[in-house]
Amino acid sequence: MKRTYIDSLPHQHCGLADIQRVLQIGHKGLFNTAVPLQRVTIGDEISGLIKVDVVEGDDPSEYNIVLNTVDHGETMDLHFTYCSDNLSDSHALNIVEAILRALEAIIQEPRRTLLVVPR
């Protein structure tokens, strides 16, 4: 586990300037966005007398877009939420489709550089 974490360190940071350069957006504003990542492992479950099940939840946020990512090891869950005051439904759909295209490209060719992932 420690070795995997150490190996992943170079991939845990991407500067905003790099993102703006690759997307060729110049000085245009970006969305106030969060992409939290939660890793869930079998050892995370605590045995005992008390059990908590999340049935439904609402996580109010100051972010315009939140892409919650849950890593289960073999699978990952992505949960996309957005603030409809700042983003139309059609624009949100375009963002989701772009995320899916990028993920498909990465899955098809994991060693591909960010510069050549299709838009």
C-alpha atoms as a PDB file:
ATOM      1  CA  MET A   1       0.000   0.000   0.000  1.00  0.00           C
ATOM      2  CA  LYS A   2       2.792   2.462   0.903  1.00  0.00           C
ATOM      3  CA  ARG A   3       4.660   1.736  -2.342  1.00  0.00           C
ATOM      4  CA  THR A   4       1.501   2.325  -4.389  1.00  0.00           C
ATOM      5  CA  TYR A   5       0.979   5.651  -2.648  1.00  0.00           C
ATOM      6  CA  ILE A   6       4.575   6.712  -3.233  1.00  0.00           C
ATOM      7  CA  ASP A   7       4.345   5.703  -6.905  1.00  0.00           C
ATOM      8  CA  SER A   8       1.179   7.796  -7.285  1.00  0.00           C
ATOM      9  CA  LEU A   9       2.667  11.028  -5.877  1.00  0.00           C
ATOM     10  CA  PRO A  10       3.811  12.446  -9.251  1.00  0.00           C
ATOM     11  CA  HIS A  11       0.203  12.115 -10.505  1.00  0.00           C
ATOM     12  CA  GLN A  12      -1.478  13.855  -7.560  1.00  0.00           C
ATOM     13  CA  HIS A  13      -0.825  17.414  -8.633  1.00  0.00           C
ATOM     14  CA  CYS A  14      -1.571  19.349 -11.763  1.00  0.00           C
ATOM     15  CA  GLY A  15      -0.997  23.085 -11.715  1.00  0.00           C
ATOM     16  CA  LEU A  16      -3.775  25.425 -12.799  1.00  0.00           C
ATOM     17  CA  ALA A  17      -1.441  27.108 -15.284  1.00  0.00           C
ATOM     18  CA  ASP A  18      -0.806  23.713 -16.931  1.00  0.00           C
ATOM     19  CA  ILE A  19      -4.543  23.071 -17.244  1.00  0.00           C
ATOM     20  CA  GLN A  20      -5.193  26.508 -18.752  1.00  0.00           C
ATOM     21  CA  ARG A  21      -2.308  26.079 -21.221  1.00  0.00           C
ATOM     22  CA  VAL A  22      -3.454  22.620 -22.368  1.00  0.00           C
ATOM     23  CA  LEU A  23      -7.065  23.769 -22.763  1.00  0.00           C
ATOM     24  CA  GLN A  24      -5.897  26.933 -24.555  1.00  0.00           C
ATOM     25  CA  ILE A  25      -8.322  29.109 -22.611  1.00  0.00           C
ATOM     26  CA  GLY A  26      -5.970  32.004 -21.948  1.00  0.00           C
ATOM     27  CA  HIS A  27      -7.295  34.306 -19.254  1.00  0.00           C
ATOM     28  CA  LYS A  28     -10.917  33.157 -19.338  1.00  0.00           C
ATOM     29  CA  GLY A  29     -12.405  32.388 -15.947  1.00  0.00           C
ATOM     30  CA  LEU A  30     -12.691  28.844 -14.679  1.00  0.00           C
ATOM     31  CA  PHE A  31     -15.429  27.308 -12.595  1.00  0.00           C
ATOM     32  CA  ASN A  32     -15.087  27.024  -8.876  1.00  0.00           C
ATOM     33  CA  THR A  33     -14.691  23.228  -8.924  1.00  0.00           C
ATOM     34  CA  ALA A  34     -13.836  20.483  -6.437  1.00  0.00           C
ATOM     35  CA  VAL A  35     -12.805  16.900  -7.205  1.00  0.00           C
ATOM     36  CA  PRO A  36     -12.540  15.074  -3.878  1.00  0.00           C
ATOM     37  CA  LEU A  37     -11.189  11.514  -3.961  1.00  0.00           C
ATOM     38  CA  GLN A  38     -12.102   8.958  -1.326  1.00  0.00           C
ATOM     39  CA  ARG A  39     -10.395   5.581  -1.247  1.00  0.00           C
ATOM     40  CA  VAL A  40     -12.441   2.793   0.328  1.00  0.00           C
ATOM     41  CA  THR A  41     -10.716  -0.412   1.373  1.00  0.00           C
ATOM     42  CA  ILE A  42     -11.994  -3.545   3.048  1.00  0.00           C
ATOM     43  CA  GLY A  43     -10.068  -2.616   6.191  1.00  0.00           C
ATOM     44  CA  ASP A  44     -12.059   0.636   6.446  1.00  0.00           C
ATOM     45  CA  GLU A  45     -15.061  -1.203   7.835  1.00  0.00           C
ATOM     46  CA  ILE A  46     -15.135  -1.180  11.626  1.00  0.00           C
ATOM     47  CA  SER A  47     -16.820  -4.067  13.346  1.00  0.00           C
ATOM     48  CA  GLY A  48     -18.780  -3.299  16.466  1.00  0.00           C
ATOM     49  CA  LEU A  49     -22.192  -2.771  17.922  1.00  0.00           C
ATOM     50  CA  ILE A  50     -22.998   0.400  16.000  1.00  0.00           C
ATOM     51  CA  LYS A  51     -23.612   0.417  12.265  1.00  0.00           C
ATOM     52  CA  VAL A  52     -24.294   3.536  10.206  1.00  0.00           C
ATOM     53  CA  ASP A  53     -25.885   3.323   6.763  1.00  0.00           C
ATOM     54  CA  VAL A  54     -26.132   6.403   4.558  1.00  0.00           C
ATOM     55  CA  VAL A  55     -29.632   6.386   3.104  1.00  0.00           C
ATOM     56  CA  GLU A  56     -29.734   9.803   1.499  1.00  0.00           C
ATOM     57  CA  GLY A  57     -27.654  12.915   1.756  1.00  0.00           C
ATOM     58  CA  ASP A  58     -27.233  16.487   0.658  1.00  0.00           C
ATOM     59  CA  ASP A  59     -23.836  18.127   0.756  1.00  0.00           C
ATOM     60  CA  PRO A  60     -24.269  21.860   0.261  1.00  0.00           C
ATOM     61  CA  SER A  61     -21.129  23.382  -1.130  1.00  0.00           C
ATOM     62  CA  GLU A  62     -19.728  26.704  -2.264  1.00  0.00           C
ATOM     63  CA  TYR A  63     -18.411  25.005  -5.411  1.00  0.00           C
ATOM     64  CA  ASN A  64     -20.149  25.419  -8.774  1.00  0.00           C
ATOM     65  CA  ILE A  65     -19.175  21.867  -9.756  1.00  0.00           C
ATOM     66  CA  VAL A  66     -18.261  18.883  -7.589  1.00  0.00           C
ATOM     67  CA  LEU A  67     -17.082  15.571  -9.035  1.00  0.00           C
ATOM     68  CA  ASN A  68     -16.957  13.220  -6.048  1.00  0.00           C
ATOM     69  CA  THR A  69     -14.760  10.223  -6.786  1.00  0.00           C
ATOM     70  CA  VAL A  70     -14.886   7.035  -4.715  1.00  0.00           C
ATOM     71  CA  ASP A  71     -12.159   4.452  -5.359  1.00  0.00           C
ATOM     72  CA  HIS A  72     -13.255   0.945  -4.352  1.00  0.00           C
ATOM     73  CA  GLY A  73     -10.073  -0.668  -5.701  1.00  0.00           C
ATOM     74  CA  GLU A  74     -11.481  -2.617  -8.640  1.00  0.00           C
ATOM     75  CA  THR A  75     -14.170  -0.037  -9.446  1.00  0.00           C
ATOM     76  CA  MET A  76     -14.712   3.690  -9.059  1.00  0.00           C
ATOM     77  CA  ASP A  77     -17.868   5.732  -8.543  1.00  0.00           C
ATOM     78  CA  LEU A  78     -18.174   9.257  -9.921  1.00  0.00           C
ATOM     79  CA  HIS A  79     -20.895  11.578  -8.629  1.00  0.00           C
ATOM     80  CA  PHE A  80     -21.317  14.841 -10.557  1.00  0.00           C
ATOM     81  CA  THR A  81     -23.236  17.697  -8.936  1.00  0.00           C
ATOM     82  CA  TYR A  82     -23.497  21.321  -9.999  1.00  0.00           C
ATOM     83  CA  CYS A  83     -25.053  24.597  -8.936  1.00  0.00           C
ATOM     84  CA  SER A  84     -27.920  25.339 -11.330  1.00  0.00           C
ATOM     85  CA  ASP A  85     -27.701  29.053 -10.455  1.00  0.00           C
ATOM     86  CA  ASN A  86     -24.326  29.230 -12.208  1.00  0.00           C
ATOM     87  CA  LEU A  87     -24.558  26.489 -14.819  1.00  0.00           C
ATOM     88  CA  SER A  88     -27.343  25.507 -17.222  1.00  0.00           C
ATOM     89  CA  ASP A  89     -28.449  21.891 -17.531  1.00  0.00           C
ATOM     90  CA  SER A  90     -27.169  21.743 -21.122  1.00  0.00           C
ATOM     91  CA  HIS A  91     -23.762  23.127 -20.110  1.00  0.00           C
ATOM     92  CA  ALA A  92     -23.565  20.609 -17.249  1.00  0.00           C
ATOM     93  CA  LEU A  93     -24.386  17.812 -19.706  1.00  0.00           C
ATOM     94  CA  ASN A  94     -21.586  19.017 -22.009  1.00  0.00           C
ATOM     95  CA  ILE A  95     -19.155  18.897 -19.088  1.00  0.00           C
ATOM     96  CA  VAL A  96     -20.219  15.361 -18.143  1.00  0.00           C
ATOM     97  CA  GLU A  97     -19.838  14.234 -21.768  1.00  0.00           C
ATOM     98  CA  ALA A  98     -16.346  15.790 -21.922  1.00  0.00           C
ATOM     99  CA  ILE A  99     -15.358  14.008 -18.706  1.00  0.00           C
ATOM    100  CA  LEU A 100     -16.622  10.709 -20.117  1.00  0.00           C
ATOM    101  CA  ARG A 101     -14.706  11.219 -23.398  1.00  0.00           C
ATOM    102  CA  ALA A 102     -11.518  11.967 -21.461  1.00  0.00           C
ATOM    103  CA  LEU A 103     -11.979   8.901 -19.238  1.00  0.00           C
ATOM    104  CA  GLU A 104     -12.649   6.668 -22.253  1.00  0.00           C
ATOM    105  CA  ALA A 105      -9.488   7.964 -23.956  1.00  0.00           C
ATOM    106  CA  ILE A 106      -7.432   7.378 -20.816  1.00  0.00           C
ATOM    107  CA  ILE A 107      -8.805   3.847 -20.408  1.00  0.00           C
ATOM    108  CA  GLN A 108      -8.114   3.003 -24.062  1.00  0.00           C
ATOM    109  CA  GLU A 109      -4.561   4.323 -23.916  1.00  0.00           C
ATOM    110  CA  PRO A 110      -3.422   4.923 -20.298  1.00  0.00           C
ATOM    111  CA  ARG A 111       0.077   6.115 -21.248  1.00  0.00           C
ATOM    112  CA  ARG A 112      -1.247   8.843 -23.540  1.00  0.00           C
ATOM    113  CA  THR A 113      -0.216  12.375 -22.548  1.00  0.00           C
ATOM    114  CA  LEU A 114      -2.776  14.988 -21.570  1.00  0.00           C
ATOM    115  CA  LEU A 115      -1.965  17.046 -24.656  1.00  0.00           C
ATOM    116  CA  VAL A 116      -3.374  14.414 -27.021  1.00  0.00           C
ATOM    117  CA  VAL A 117      -6.550  13.436 -25.152  1.00  0.00           C
ATOM    118  CA  PRO A 118      -9.366  14.397 -27.551  1.00  0.00           C
ATOM    119  CA  ARG A 119     -11.708  17.201 -26.503  1.00  0.00           C
END
